Protein backbone atom coordinates (compact mmCIF):
# COMPACT_ATOMS: atom_id res chain seq x y z
CA MET A 1 -58.31 -40.75 39.33
CA GLN A 2 -57.28 -44.51 39.24
CA MET A 3 -56.28 -43.88 35.51
CA ILE A 4 -54.04 -40.51 36.33
CA GLN A 5 -52.53 -42.67 38.69
CA ALA A 6 -51.39 -45.25 36.28
CA LEU A 7 -50.22 -42.68 33.92
CA TYR A 8 -47.89 -41.15 36.83
CA ASP A 9 -47.03 -44.83 37.63
CA LEU A 10 -46.43 -45.15 33.38
CA LEU A 11 -44.09 -42.44 33.37
CA GLY A 12 -42.39 -43.53 36.24
CA VAL A 13 -43.38 -40.63 38.50
CA GLN A 14 -43.32 -41.04 42.32
CA ALA A 15 -46.08 -39.05 42.80
CA GLY A 16 -49.94 -39.18 43.08
CA PRO A 17 -52.32 -36.57 41.79
CA ASN A 18 -55.26 -34.91 43.97
CA GLY A 19 -58.56 -34.62 42.33
CA GLY A 20 -59.54 -31.73 41.10
CA ASP A 21 -56.01 -30.10 41.74
CA LEU A 22 -55.13 -28.06 38.76
CA ALA A 23 -51.55 -28.23 38.79
CA GLY A 24 -51.23 -31.70 38.98
CA LEU A 25 -53.20 -31.80 35.92
CA LEU A 26 -51.14 -29.44 34.47
CA SER A 27 -48.07 -31.43 35.49
CA LEU A 28 -49.54 -34.46 33.87
CA SER A 29 -49.57 -33.02 30.46
CA PHE A 30 -46.01 -31.76 30.92
CA LEU A 31 -44.83 -35.29 31.47
CA ALA A 32 -46.82 -36.43 28.74
CA ILE A 33 -45.12 -34.57 26.23
CA VAL A 34 -41.49 -35.14 27.86
CA SER A 35 -42.43 -38.80 27.23
CA LEU A 36 -43.28 -38.04 23.65
CA GLY A 37 -40.05 -35.93 23.00
CA ARG A 38 -38.23 -39.40 24.59
CA ALA A 39 -39.98 -41.34 21.78
CA PHE A 40 -39.22 -39.44 19.46
CA PHE A 41 -35.20 -38.98 19.68
CA SER A 42 -35.30 -43.06 20.93
CA SER A 43 -36.95 -43.80 17.22
CA GLY A 44 -33.76 -42.12 15.32
CA SER A 45 -30.98 -43.46 13.99
CA SER A 46 -28.83 -45.38 16.57
CA ALA A 47 -25.71 -43.34 16.48
CA GLY A 48 -27.69 -40.43 17.19
CA PRO A 49 -28.52 -38.96 20.72
CA LYS A 50 -30.50 -41.36 23.12
CA ALA A 51 -31.99 -38.63 25.25
CA LEU A 52 -33.19 -35.02 24.95
CA GLY A 53 -30.29 -33.46 27.17
CA ASP A 54 -28.03 -35.37 24.45
CA VAL A 55 -29.01 -33.48 21.75
CA THR A 56 -26.13 -31.34 20.33
CA VAL A 57 -26.36 -29.07 16.98
CA GLU A 58 -24.18 -28.86 14.37
CA LYS A 59 -23.51 -25.39 13.13
CA ILE A 60 -23.98 -25.43 8.95
CA GLN A 61 -22.20 -22.35 7.18
CA PRO A 62 -24.72 -20.83 4.51
CA ILE A 63 -23.58 -21.05 1.01
CA ALA A 64 -23.77 -17.84 -0.47
CA PRO A 65 -26.13 -18.35 -3.81
CA GLU A 66 -23.90 -16.46 -6.43
CA SER A 67 -20.98 -18.51 -5.09
CA VAL A 68 -22.94 -21.70 -6.47
CA GLU A 69 -23.05 -21.98 -10.74
CA LEU A 70 -25.63 -24.04 -11.75
CA GLU A 71 -23.32 -26.81 -13.86
CA GLU A 72 -22.15 -27.12 -10.22
CA ARG A 73 -25.66 -28.66 -8.81
CA THR A 74 -25.79 -30.99 -11.31
CA PRO A 75 -23.53 -33.93 -10.99
CA PRO A 76 -21.56 -34.77 -13.92
CA SER A 77 -22.86 -38.17 -14.43
CA VAL A 78 -26.57 -36.09 -15.08
CA VAL A 79 -26.86 -35.38 -18.83
CA GLU A 80 -29.15 -32.85 -18.92
CA LYS A 81 -32.17 -33.34 -21.25
CA GLY A 82 -32.68 -30.71 -24.41
CA PRO A 83 -32.49 -31.16 -28.29
CA SER A 84 -30.57 -34.04 -30.20
CA PHE A 85 -26.95 -33.26 -30.73
CA ARG A 86 -28.03 -33.56 -34.58
CA GLU A 87 -30.54 -30.86 -33.91
CA ARG A 88 -27.66 -28.79 -32.23
CA LEU A 89 -25.52 -29.19 -35.00
CA LYS A 90 -27.84 -27.52 -37.86
CA ARG A 91 -28.97 -25.04 -35.62
CA GLY A 92 -25.11 -24.12 -35.17
CA LEU A 93 -24.60 -24.37 -39.17
CA ASP A 94 -27.23 -22.47 -39.91
CA ARG A 95 -24.97 -18.94 -41.01
CA SER A 96 -23.08 -21.94 -42.83
CA ARG A 97 -26.39 -23.15 -44.43
CA GLN A 98 -27.64 -20.19 -45.68
CA GLN A 99 -24.80 -17.86 -46.12
CA VAL A 100 -23.02 -20.53 -48.35
CA TRP A 101 -24.59 -23.69 -49.57
CA GLY A 102 -28.36 -21.77 -49.97
CA ARG A 103 -26.72 -18.79 -51.85
CA ILE A 104 -25.38 -21.52 -54.77
CA GLY A 105 -28.36 -23.54 -54.87
CA THR A 106 -29.99 -20.34 -55.85
CA LEU A 107 -27.74 -19.29 -58.37
CA ILE A 108 -27.64 -22.67 -60.14
CA SER A 109 -31.26 -22.66 -60.01
CA GLY A 110 -31.22 -19.59 -62.45
CA GLY A 111 -29.66 -22.06 -65.37
CA LYS A 112 -26.56 -22.16 -66.82
CA LEU A 113 -23.66 -21.41 -65.36
CA ASP A 114 -22.59 -18.56 -67.88
CA THR A 115 -19.05 -16.10 -67.34
CA GLU A 116 -20.82 -14.03 -64.50
CA ALA A 117 -22.53 -16.89 -62.55
CA LEU A 118 -19.26 -18.82 -62.65
CA GLU A 119 -17.60 -15.85 -60.75
CA GLU A 120 -19.94 -15.37 -58.20
CA LEU A 121 -19.78 -19.05 -57.47
CA GLU A 122 -16.07 -18.67 -56.68
CA GLU A 123 -16.45 -15.40 -54.66
CA ILE A 124 -18.75 -17.48 -52.75
CA LEU A 125 -16.82 -20.22 -52.12
CA TYR A 126 -13.55 -18.62 -52.09
CA GLY A 127 -15.01 -16.39 -48.95
CA ALA A 128 -16.54 -19.71 -46.96
CA ASP A 129 -12.17 -21.10 -46.95
CA ILE A 130 -13.42 -24.01 -49.06
CA GLY A 131 -10.11 -23.87 -50.34
CA PRO A 132 -8.93 -23.84 -53.57
CA GLN A 133 -8.31 -27.75 -54.59
CA THR A 134 -12.05 -27.73 -53.46
CA VAL A 135 -13.13 -24.74 -55.18
CA ALA A 136 -11.30 -25.52 -58.86
CA GLU A 137 -13.24 -29.23 -58.70
CA LEU A 138 -16.58 -28.64 -57.46
CA THR A 139 -16.66 -25.73 -59.54
CA GLU A 140 -15.99 -28.02 -62.55
CA GLU A 141 -18.45 -30.28 -61.77
CA LEU A 142 -21.02 -28.21 -61.22
CA GLN A 143 -20.07 -26.79 -64.65
CA LYS A 144 -20.46 -30.09 -65.98
CA ARG A 145 -23.55 -31.15 -64.61
CA ALA A 146 -25.15 -27.14 -65.12
CA ALA A 147 -24.62 -28.12 -69.05
CA GLU A 148 -26.67 -30.67 -68.69
CA GLY A 149 -29.65 -29.14 -67.67
CA ASN A 150 -31.51 -27.32 -64.44
CA PHE A 151 -30.66 -28.23 -61.21
CA GLU A 152 -33.81 -29.33 -59.21
CA ALA A 153 -33.90 -28.34 -55.42
CA ASP A 154 -32.82 -32.24 -54.12
CA GLU A 155 -31.01 -32.69 -57.01
CA PHE A 156 -28.39 -30.43 -56.02
CA LYS A 157 -28.58 -31.15 -52.78
CA SER A 158 -27.85 -34.54 -53.43
CA PHE A 159 -25.14 -34.16 -55.91
CA LEU A 160 -23.49 -31.73 -53.10
CA PHE A 161 -23.83 -34.44 -50.29
CA THR A 162 -22.14 -36.64 -52.48
CA PHE A 163 -19.55 -34.55 -53.72
CA LEU A 164 -18.36 -33.00 -50.73
CA GLU A 165 -18.35 -36.96 -48.62
CA SER A 166 -16.33 -38.39 -51.75
CA LYS A 167 -13.64 -35.56 -50.27
CA MET A 168 -13.60 -36.80 -46.76
CA LYS A 169 -15.27 -39.77 -46.48
CA THR A 170 -12.14 -42.02 -46.50
CA VAL A 171 -9.78 -39.97 -44.33
CA GLN A 172 -12.58 -40.06 -41.83
CA GLN A 173 -12.63 -43.82 -41.77
CA ALA A 174 -9.03 -44.11 -39.84
CA VAL A 175 -10.59 -41.84 -36.15
CA SER A 176 -10.47 -44.33 -33.33
CA PRO A 177 -13.15 -45.51 -31.30
CA GLU A 178 -11.22 -45.52 -28.15
CA LEU A 179 -11.62 -41.32 -28.89
CA TYR A 180 -15.16 -41.79 -27.80
CA GLN A 181 -15.68 -45.11 -25.84
CA TYR A 182 -14.01 -46.14 -23.21
CA ASN A 183 -12.41 -49.57 -23.02
CA ALA A 184 -11.79 -51.51 -19.67
CA ARG A 185 -9.63 -53.61 -20.95
CA ALA A 186 -7.18 -51.51 -21.94
CA THR A 187 -4.33 -51.80 -19.61
CA THR A 188 -2.00 -48.54 -19.93
CA PRO A 189 -3.58 -45.00 -19.90
CA LYS A 190 -4.40 -43.20 -23.10
CA VAL A 191 -2.72 -40.61 -23.70
CA ILE A 192 -4.16 -37.85 -25.31
CA MET A 193 -2.25 -34.86 -26.16
CA VAL A 194 -4.34 -31.51 -26.73
CA VAL A 195 -2.73 -28.80 -29.17
CA GLY A 196 -3.48 -25.34 -30.93
CA VAL A 197 -3.52 -21.44 -30.72
CA ASN A 198 -4.76 -19.60 -27.61
CA GLY A 199 -8.53 -18.39 -27.89
CA ALA A 200 -9.44 -21.92 -29.90
CA GLY A 201 -11.20 -23.22 -27.10
CA LYS A 202 -8.78 -26.00 -26.57
CA THR A 203 -8.88 -25.84 -22.45
CA THR A 204 -12.98 -26.14 -22.41
CA THR A 205 -12.93 -28.71 -25.03
CA ILE A 206 -10.10 -30.65 -22.59
CA GLY A 207 -13.27 -30.28 -19.77
CA LYS A 208 -15.68 -31.62 -21.93
CA LEU A 209 -13.80 -34.33 -23.49
CA ALA A 210 -12.90 -35.44 -19.44
CA THR A 211 -16.30 -35.13 -18.20
CA LYS A 212 -17.53 -37.41 -21.35
CA LEU A 213 -15.07 -40.06 -20.39
CA THR A 214 -15.83 -39.93 -16.74
CA ARG A 215 -19.31 -40.06 -17.10
CA GLN A 216 -18.99 -43.46 -19.52
CA GLY A 217 -16.90 -44.50 -15.67
CA ALA A 218 -13.22 -44.17 -17.37
CA LYS A 219 -10.53 -42.91 -14.40
CA VAL A 220 -9.39 -39.71 -16.04
CA VAL A 221 -5.67 -37.77 -15.67
CA VAL A 222 -5.50 -34.10 -17.04
CA GLY A 223 -1.88 -32.33 -17.31
CA ALA A 224 -2.30 -28.61 -16.89
CA CYS A 225 0.75 -28.11 -19.21
CA ASP A 226 -0.14 -24.68 -20.36
CA THR A 227 1.81 -23.16 -17.70
CA PHE A 228 1.95 -19.85 -18.96
CA ARG A 229 -1.46 -18.75 -18.62
CA ALA A 230 -2.63 -19.23 -15.10
CA ALA A 231 -5.93 -18.13 -15.83
CA ALA A 232 -6.28 -21.27 -18.49
CA VAL A 233 -4.98 -23.46 -15.63
CA ASP A 234 -7.89 -22.39 -13.01
CA GLN A 235 -10.53 -23.08 -15.53
CA LEU A 236 -8.96 -26.36 -16.47
CA GLN A 237 -9.19 -27.20 -12.58
CA VAL A 238 -12.69 -26.10 -12.46
CA TRP A 239 -13.83 -28.47 -15.54
CA CYS A 240 -11.75 -31.29 -13.66
CA ASP A 241 -14.02 -31.04 -10.24
CA ARG A 242 -16.91 -30.78 -12.04
CA ALA A 243 -15.97 -33.88 -13.87
CA GLY A 244 -14.71 -35.58 -11.26
CA ALA A 245 -11.09 -35.99 -13.07
CA GLU A 246 -7.86 -35.91 -11.22
CA MET A 247 -5.45 -32.74 -11.98
CA ILE A 248 -2.11 -32.56 -12.22
CA ARG A 249 -0.52 -28.25 -12.39
CA ALA A 250 2.68 -26.54 -11.55
CA LYS A 251 3.82 -23.18 -10.27
CA GLU A 252 3.41 -20.64 -13.11
CA GLY A 253 6.34 -20.74 -15.83
CA ALA A 254 6.97 -23.81 -14.84
CA ASN A 255 9.11 -26.57 -17.44
CA PRO A 256 5.66 -27.84 -19.71
CA SER A 257 7.37 -31.09 -20.58
CA GLY A 258 7.95 -32.03 -16.84
CA VAL A 259 4.37 -31.23 -16.16
CA GLY A 260 3.32 -33.69 -18.65
CA PHE A 261 5.83 -36.06 -17.86
CA GLU A 262 4.68 -36.22 -14.09
CA ALA A 263 0.65 -36.21 -15.38
CA LEU A 264 1.59 -39.44 -17.01
CA GLN A 265 3.56 -40.52 -14.44
CA ALA A 266 0.57 -40.26 -11.91
CA ALA A 267 -2.04 -41.72 -14.47
CA LYS A 268 0.32 -44.81 -14.62
CA ASN A 269 0.45 -44.75 -10.80
CA SER A 270 -3.49 -44.93 -10.26
CA ASN A 271 -3.77 -46.93 -13.28
CA ALA A 272 -5.98 -44.20 -14.57
CA ASP A 273 -7.57 -45.27 -18.50
CA TYR A 274 -7.14 -41.79 -19.98
CA CYS A 275 -4.18 -39.11 -19.65
CA ILE A 276 -5.33 -35.67 -21.19
CA LEU A 277 -2.37 -32.94 -21.69
CA ASP A 278 -2.88 -29.17 -22.01
CA THR A 279 -0.35 -27.66 -24.24
CA ALA A 280 1.10 -24.01 -24.36
CA GLY A 281 -0.67 -22.13 -27.14
CA ARG A 282 1.08 -19.40 -28.53
CA LEU A 283 0.74 -18.91 -32.15
CA HIS A 284 1.60 -21.42 -34.28
CA THR A 285 4.21 -19.19 -36.35
CA SER A 286 6.26 -19.17 -33.36
CA GLY A 287 9.42 -21.27 -33.75
CA ASN A 288 9.92 -21.51 -30.05
CA LEU A 289 6.19 -23.45 -29.39
CA MET A 290 7.03 -25.68 -31.45
CA ASP A 291 9.95 -26.81 -30.57
CA GLU A 292 8.11 -26.99 -26.88
CA LEU A 293 5.99 -29.27 -27.88
CA LYS A 294 7.87 -31.19 -29.93
CA LYS A 295 9.92 -31.63 -27.03
CA SER A 296 6.82 -32.35 -24.81
CA LYS A 297 5.64 -35.16 -27.12
CA ALA A 298 9.17 -36.97 -26.76
CA VAL A 299 9.79 -36.75 -22.69
CA LEU A 300 6.65 -38.92 -22.70
CA ALA A 301 7.93 -41.72 -24.60
CA LYS A 302 10.58 -42.14 -21.37
CA LEU A 303 7.45 -43.21 -19.65
CA ASP A 304 5.51 -44.72 -22.57
CA ASP A 305 7.35 -44.95 -25.60
CA SER A 306 3.82 -45.36 -27.98
CA ALA A 307 2.57 -42.30 -26.05
CA PRO A 308 0.79 -39.90 -26.84
CA HIS A 309 -1.54 -42.37 -28.80
CA GLU A 310 -3.64 -39.56 -29.89
CA VAL A 311 -2.60 -35.91 -30.96
CA LEU A 312 -5.64 -33.60 -31.52
CA LEU A 313 -5.55 -29.99 -33.28
CA VAL A 314 -8.25 -27.75 -32.11
CA ILE A 315 -9.58 -25.78 -34.70
CA ASP A 316 -11.89 -22.52 -34.16
CA ALA A 317 -13.96 -22.65 -37.46
CA ILE A 318 -14.25 -18.89 -37.54
CA THR A 319 -10.23 -18.79 -38.75
CA GLY A 320 -11.70 -20.13 -42.06
CA GLN A 321 -8.60 -20.36 -44.19
CA ASN A 322 -6.21 -19.24 -41.78
CA ALA A 323 -6.88 -23.04 -39.77
CA LEU A 324 -5.28 -24.39 -42.24
CA ARG A 325 -2.35 -23.12 -42.20
CA GLN A 326 -2.33 -23.37 -38.46
CA ALA A 327 -3.09 -27.29 -39.21
CA GLU A 328 -0.19 -27.49 -42.07
CA GLU A 329 2.12 -26.53 -39.25
CA PHE A 330 0.99 -28.46 -36.12
CA HIS A 331 0.61 -31.35 -38.25
CA LYS A 332 4.24 -30.81 -39.22
CA THR A 333 5.90 -30.75 -36.12
CA LEU A 334 3.54 -33.14 -33.88
CA GLU A 335 2.11 -35.64 -36.78
CA LEU A 336 -1.50 -35.22 -35.77
CA THR A 337 -3.93 -37.73 -35.29
CA GLY A 338 -7.25 -35.72 -34.97
CA LEU A 339 -8.80 -32.18 -35.57
CA VAL A 340 -11.44 -31.02 -33.00
CA PHE A 341 -13.41 -28.41 -35.17
CA THR A 342 -15.20 -25.60 -32.71
CA LYS A 343 -17.15 -22.51 -32.85
CA CYS A 344 -19.35 -23.68 -35.70
CA ASP A 345 -22.22 -21.97 -34.29
CA GLY A 346 -20.78 -18.21 -34.59
CA SER A 347 -19.08 -18.65 -38.31
CA SER A 348 -20.41 -19.18 -41.75
CA LYS A 349 -16.93 -20.79 -42.51
CA ALA A 350 -17.56 -24.29 -40.74
CA GLY A 351 -17.16 -25.87 -44.45
CA SER A 352 -13.35 -25.17 -44.41
CA ALA A 353 -13.51 -28.32 -42.51
CA ILE A 354 -13.55 -29.54 -45.55
CA ALA A 355 -10.53 -28.51 -47.52
CA ILE A 356 -8.80 -29.34 -44.42
CA VAL A 357 -9.46 -32.82 -44.00
CA GLN A 358 -8.72 -33.17 -47.58
CA LYS A 359 -5.75 -31.60 -47.64
CA LEU A 360 -3.89 -32.77 -44.71
CA LYS A 361 -5.43 -36.17 -44.48
CA VAL A 362 -6.19 -35.95 -41.35
CA PRO A 363 -9.74 -36.72 -39.76
CA ILE A 364 -12.16 -34.73 -37.36
CA ALA A 365 -12.89 -36.19 -33.77
CA TYR A 366 -15.27 -33.75 -32.78
CA ILE A 367 -17.12 -30.78 -33.62
CA GLY A 368 -18.22 -27.93 -31.44
CA VAL A 369 -21.31 -25.99 -31.72
CA GLY A 370 -21.75 -24.41 -28.53
CA GLU A 371 -20.22 -23.71 -24.65
CA SER A 372 -21.69 -26.74 -22.56
CA VAL A 373 -20.67 -30.33 -22.55
CA GLU A 374 -23.48 -31.68 -24.68
CA ASP A 375 -22.50 -29.04 -27.38
CA LEU A 376 -19.44 -31.12 -28.01
CA ASP A 377 -19.87 -34.77 -29.97
CA ILE A 378 -18.48 -37.35 -32.01
CA PHE A 379 -18.19 -35.57 -35.61
CA SER A 380 -20.11 -37.67 -38.11
CA LEU A 381 -19.55 -36.96 -41.37
CA GLU A 382 -23.35 -37.64 -42.18
CA ASP A 383 -24.43 -35.32 -40.09
CA TYR A 384 -22.18 -32.96 -40.89
CA LEU A 385 -23.18 -32.53 -44.48
CA GLY A 386 -27.02 -32.63 -43.78
CA ALA A 387 -26.76 -29.73 -41.35
CA LEU A 388 -24.65 -28.15 -44.09
CA LEU A 389 -26.84 -28.34 -46.66
CA ASP A 390 -30.35 -29.38 -45.38
CA TYR A 391 -30.30 -32.69 -46.89
CA GLN A 392 -30.71 -36.38 -45.48
CA LYS A 393 -29.59 -38.72 -47.46
CA PRO A 394 -31.87 -41.33 -48.66
CA LEU A 395 -31.83 -45.02 -46.65
CA SER A 396 -30.07 -47.46 -48.32
CA ASN A 397 -31.88 -50.66 -49.55
C-alpha cells in the first residue's frame, strides 16, 4: 500500500489508493502509461513537441510508383556497379567484329589473295563503310603480306591492329583532357558546343556528359538551343535535373543563338565550370541550319572571344559512310574539334570511325555503346581496336 501511494506521489497525482480497490489499480496502470508517453516524447528532438497534447501530424502525399523512374532514385553521384567499359565496348562492337574483321580473317587464312578473294575482301570493307582510301591502303598491304605466306590468326590480328592504329594515333593525341577531367583551377566556363543531325543521340549525349562532369564536382550550365523541338528540350531538362545541372531554355521557336548567349551569360554569372550548348539538328544539307549554327558560334564570341572552346559532332555509327559526309559539312562550317561516336552496339559499321578520323584529322573524344550514363566513355584507341579485332596488344618492355 505504501509503494502504491509512492507511485501516486511520483506521478504528481493528488489522490491515494484504497486497499483492494480494483479501480484504483487500473487508474494507476493508466497513469503509468501516460508517464511513459511523456518520457518518450520528451526524449525526442529539441525542436519537436514536448508533451502528448503538442503532437502534430504532417500529411505526406504518396508518390505513385509509375511516376518515379528507377534512375531518378539513384543520386547522380552514385555510379552503378557493372561490367567495365572495356567489356561493354567489346560487347557493343560484336557485330562489327564478327561480320567484318572476322570474315576478313577467315578469307586471309585460306591462302594467297587471288582475284576472287581480293574482290570479296574489298566488298566486305566497302560494305562496312571503311572508306575508299583506307580500303585501298589496307588491300595493298594485305596483298604484300599474303604473298609472303599464310597468316596465323594472331599474326593477322596484330598486323591489322598496327595498320589501323597508324591511321588514327597521331590525330587522337589532339583531344583536350578538359573534355574528360574537371579542372577546378579554370577561371572561365569551358564552352562545349554540341552539333549533329536529329536522331544521332545529341541530346542524350549532352545529358550523359553533364552527368559525368557534375559527378566530378563541376558546376554545369546547359543551354537548350534546339528551340524547334519541344520534346528534345523536355528530355534534356530531365537529364539536367538528374545530373544537378542548371538548364537555360526559352519558348519554342525562340532564336537559338540568343539562347546560347543567355546560357553562357548565366554560366559566367554563376562561376560555372562548363557551359554545354545543345543545337538544332536538321539535316546537314540544309544551308539555313549551317548558317544558324555559324551565327550561334559567332554570338558566343561577344561574351568570350575564345568560345566555343570545343565543337563536338555527334555521329550515329549506323549511318556509316553517310556519317563521313555529315562530318565534312559540319567541319567545313564550324571547324570541329572532336567527335562523339554513338550507337556502336547497333551496327556492323563501327569501323567507319577509322575513315572519318583519317579523312578529317579530327579526333574521337567519346564513344557510346548503350543508353545508360556508363555506356558513354572516353575513346581509347587501344581499347577500340582491341574490341573491334578481339585482340590485346602485347605490353611493351
